Amino acid sequence: MKKTALVALGLGVAYLMRNEESRNKMMKQLDSFTGDSSSK
């Protein structure tokens, strides 16, 4: 189960590296989700 999640995460990261707009949107969602704005 954990391995599958890591593979999915790896694919997602690879996709985001190619799609800057989606990456920026994802980072905004992550910031609001964690509620921690320490990351740039």
PDB file of N, CA and C in Angstrom:
ATOM      1  N   MET A   1       0.854  -1.205   0.000  1.00  0.00           N
ATOM      2  CA  MET A   1       0.000   0.000   0.000  1.00  0.00           C
ATOM      3  C   MET A   1       0.887   1.251   0.000  1.00  0.00           C
ATOM      4  N   LYS A   2       1.876   1.238   0.890  1.00  0.00           N
ATOM      5  CA  LYS A   2       2.762   2.390   0.983  1.00  0.00           C
ATOM      6  C   LYS A   2       3.530   2.583  -0.321  1.00  0.00           C
ATOM      7  N   LYS A   3       3.976   1.463  -0.896  1.00  0.00           N
ATOM      8  CA  LYS A   3       4.741   1.541  -2.146  1.00  0.00           C
ATOM      9  C   LYS A   3       3.886   2.146  -3.255  1.00  0.00           C
ATOM     10  N   THR A   4       2.626   1.751  -3.311  1.00  0.00           N
ATOM     11  CA  THR A   4       1.718   2.292  -4.341  1.00  0.00           C
ATOM     12  C   THR A   4       1.571   3.797  -4.174  1.00  0.00           C
ATOM     13  N   ALA A   5       1.472   4.245  -2.924  1.00  0.00           N
ATOM     14  CA  ALA A   5       1.318   5.676  -2.662  1.00  0.00           C
ATOM     15  C   ALA A   5       2.569   6.417  -3.108  1.00  0.00           C
ATOM     16  N   LEU A   6       3.736   5.824  -2.852  1.00  0.00           N
ATOM     17  CA  LEU A   6       4.994   6.458  -3.254  1.00  0.00           C
ATOM     18  C   LEU A   6       5.085   6.549  -4.773  1.00  0.00           C
ATOM     19  N   VAL A   7       4.666   5.498  -5.456  1.00  0.00           N
ATOM     20  CA  VAL A   7       4.699   5.496  -6.924  1.00  0.00           C
ATOM     21  C   VAL A   7       3.771   6.582  -7.457  1.00  0.00           C
ATOM     22  N   ALA A   8       2.575   6.665  -6.884  1.00  0.00           N
ATOM     23  CA  ALA A   8       1.609   7.678  -7.318  1.00  0.00           C
ATOM     24  C   ALA A   8       2.182   9.066  -7.050  1.00  0.00           C
ATOM     25  N   LEU A   9       2.824   9.232  -5.907  1.00  0.00           N
ATOM     26  CA  LEU A   9       3.413  10.522  -5.563  1.00  0.00           C
ATOM     27  C   LEU A   9       4.517  10.876  -6.549  1.00  0.00           C
ATOM     28  N   GLY A  10       5.337   9.876  -6.894  1.00  0.00           N
ATOM     29  CA  GLY A  10       6.424  10.095  -7.853  1.00  0.00           C
ATOM     30  C   GLY A  10       5.879  10.529  -9.205  1.00  0.00           C
ATOM     31  N   LEU A  11       4.814   9.860  -9.661  1.00  0.00           N
ATOM     32  CA  LEU A  11       4.201  10.216 -10.948  1.00  0.00           C
ATOM     33  C   LEU A  11       3.632  11.624 -10.882  1.00  0.00           C
ATOM     34  N   GLY A  12       3.009  11.949  -9.768  1.00  0.00           N
ATOM     35  CA  GLY A  12       2.431  13.280  -9.603  1.00  0.00           C
ATOM     36  C   GLY A  12       3.506  14.350  -9.649  1.00  0.00           C
ATOM     37  N   VAL A  13       4.622  14.096  -8.968  1.00  0.00           N
ATOM     38  CA  VAL A  13       5.728  15.062  -8.957  1.00  0.00           C
ATOM     39  C   VAL A  13       6.283  15.237 -10.365  1.00  0.00           C
ATOM     40  N   ALA A  14       6.461  14.122 -11.077  1.00  0.00           N
ATOM     41  CA  ALA A  14       6.986  14.190 -12.447  1.00  0.00           C
ATOM     42  C   ALA A  14       6.053  15.011 -13.329  1.00  0.00           C
ATOM     43  N   TYR A  15       4.755  14.830 -13.132  1.00  0.00           N
ATOM     44  CA  TYR A  15       3.761  15.588 -13.917  1.00  0.00           C
ATOM     45  C   TYR A  15       3.828  17.073 -13.572  1.00  0.00           C
ATOM     46  N   LEU A  16       3.916  17.369 -12.274  1.00  0.00           N
ATOM     47  CA  LEU A  16       3.936  18.768 -11.844  1.00  0.00           C
ATOM     48  C   LEU A  16       5.189  19.478 -12.331  1.00  0.00           C
ATOM     49  N   MET A  17       6.307  18.734 -12.419  1.00  0.00           N
ATOM     50  CA  MET A  17       7.553  19.341 -12.886  1.00  0.00           C
ATOM     51  C   MET A  17       7.402  19.810 -14.334  1.00  0.00           C
ATOM     52  N   ARG A  18       6.516  19.143 -15.090  1.00  0.00           N
ATOM     53  CA  ARG A  18       6.309  19.507 -16.486  1.00  0.00           C
ATOM     54  C   ARG A  18       5.188  20.532 -16.638  1.00  0.00           C
ATOM     55  N   ASN A  19       4.346  20.643 -15.609  1.00  0.00           N
ATOM     56  CA  ASN A  19       3.207  21.556 -15.703  1.00  0.00           C
ATOM     57  C   ASN A  19       3.313  22.590 -14.577  1.00  0.00           C
ATOM     58  N   GLU A  20       3.916  23.736 -14.897  1.00  0.00           N
ATOM     59  CA  GLU A  20       4.167  24.745 -13.859  1.00  0.00           C
ATOM     60  C   GLU A  20       2.880  25.305 -13.263  1.00  0.00           C
ATOM     61  N   GLU A  21       1.875  25.505 -14.097  1.00  0.00           N
ATOM     62  CA  GLU A  21       0.621  26.084 -13.591  1.00  0.00           C
ATOM     63  C   GLU A  21      -0.007  25.167 -12.546  1.00  0.00           C
ATOM     64  N   SER A  22      -0.055  23.868 -12.855  1.00  0.00           N
ATOM     65  CA  SER A  22      -0.633  22.909 -11.907  1.00  0.00           C
ATOM     66  C   SER A  22       0.204  22.851 -10.636  1.00  0.00           C
ATOM     67  N   ARG A  23       1.523  22.975 -10.799  1.00  0.00           N
ATOM     68  CA  ARG A  23       2.404  22.915  -9.632  1.00  0.00           C
ATOM     69  C   ARG A  23       2.119  24.083  -8.706  1.00  0.00           C
ATOM     70  N   ASN A  24       1.990  25.277  -9.275  1.00  0.00           N
ATOM     71  CA  ASN A  24       1.710  26.466  -8.458  1.00  0.00           C
ATOM     72  C   ASN A  24       0.376  26.319  -7.741  1.00  0.00           C
ATOM     73  N   LYS A  25      -0.616  25.784  -8.451  1.00  0.00           N
ATOM     74  CA  LYS A  25      -1.939  25.594  -7.852  1.00  0.00           C
ATOM     75  C   LYS A  25      -1.853  24.595  -6.706  1.00  0.00           C
ATOM     76  N   MET A  26      -1.077  23.532  -6.927  1.00  0.00           N
ATOM     77  CA  MET A  26      -0.914  22.489  -5.917  1.00  0.00           C
ATOM     78  C   MET A  26      -0.227  23.053  -4.674  1.00  0.00           C
ATOM     79  N   MET A  27       0.796  23.878  -4.892  1.00  0.00           N
ATOM     80  CA  MET A  27       1.516  24.452  -3.759  1.00  0.00           C
ATOM     81  C   MET A  27       0.594  25.343  -2.937  1.00  0.00           C
ATOM     82  N   LYS A  28      -0.271  26.095  -3.608  1.00  0.00           N
ATOM     83  CA  LYS A  28      -1.218  26.956  -2.885  1.00  0.00           C
ATOM     84  C   LYS A  28      -2.157  26.095  -2.053  1.00  0.00           C
ATOM     85  N   GLN A  29      -2.625  24.987  -2.632  1.00  0.00           N
ATOM     86  CA  GLN A  29      -3.538  24.100  -1.909  1.00  0.00           C
ATOM     87  C   GLN A  29      -2.819  23.488  -0.713  1.00  0.00           C
ATOM     88  N   LEU A  30      -1.564  23.085  -0.912  1.00  0.00           N
ATOM     89  CA  LEU A  30      -0.785  22.483   0.173  1.00  0.00           C
ATOM     90  C   LEU A  30      -0.602  23.488   1.303  1.00  0.00           C
ATOM     91  N   ASP A  31      -0.279  24.733   0.947  1.00  0.00           N
ATOM     92  CA  ASP A  31      -0.077  25.760   1.971  1.00  0.00           C
ATOM     93  C   ASP A  31      -1.341  25.953   2.799  1.00  0.00           C
ATOM     94  N   SER A  32      -2.488  26.040   2.130  1.00  0.00           N
ATOM     95  CA  SER A  32      -3.742  26.254   2.850  1.00  0.00           C
ATOM     96  C   SER A  32      -4.125  24.995   3.625  1.00  0.00           C
ATOM     97  N   PHE A  33      -3.744  23.828   3.091  1.00  0.00           N
ATOM     98  CA  PHE A  33      -4.094  22.568   3.748  1.00  0.00           C
ATOM     99  C   PHE A  33      -3.302  22.368   5.033  1.00  0.00           C
ATOM    100  N   THR A  34      -1.989  22.643   4.969  1.00  0.00           N
ATOM    101  CA  THR A  34      -1.149  22.465   6.150  1.00  0.00           C
ATOM    102  C   THR A  34      -1.290  23.648   7.100  1.00  0.00           C
ATOM    103  N   GLY A  35      -1.679  24.791   6.551  1.00  0.00           N
ATOM    104  CA  GLY A  35      -1.832  25.981   7.389  1.00  0.00           C
ATOM    105  C   GLY A  35      -0.488  26.485   7.848  1.00  0.00           C
ATOM    106  N   ASP A  36       0.584  26.075   7.139  1.00  0.00           N
ATOM    107  CA  ASP A  36       1.926  26.486   7.528  1.00  0.00           C
ATOM    108  C   ASP A  36       2.547  27.246   6.357  1.00  0.00           C
ATOM    109  N   SER A  37       2.769  28.531   6.520  1.00  0.00           N
ATOM    110  CA  SER A  37       3.303  29.350   5.432  1.00  0.00           C
ATOM    111  C   SER A  37       4.804  29.539   5.589  1.00  0.00           C
ATOM    112  N   SER A  38       5.480  28.615   6.290  1.00  0.00           N
ATOM    113  CA  SER A  38       6.928  28.736   6.475  1.00  0.00           C
ATOM    114  C   SER A  38       7.636  28.440   5.161  1.00  0.00           C
ATOM    115  N   SER A  39       7.029  27.584   4.315  1.00  0.00           N
ATOM    116  CA  SER A  39       7.627  27.282   3.022  1.00  0.00           C
ATOM    117  C   SER A  39       7.338  28.406   2.049  1.00  0.00           C
ATOM    118  N   LYS A  40       8.298  28.734   1.235  1.00  0.00           N
ATOM    119  CA  LYS A  40       8.170  29.853   0.295  1.00  0.00           C
ATOM    120  C   LYS A  40       6.927  29.715  -0.541  1.00  0.00           C
TER     121      LYS A  40
END
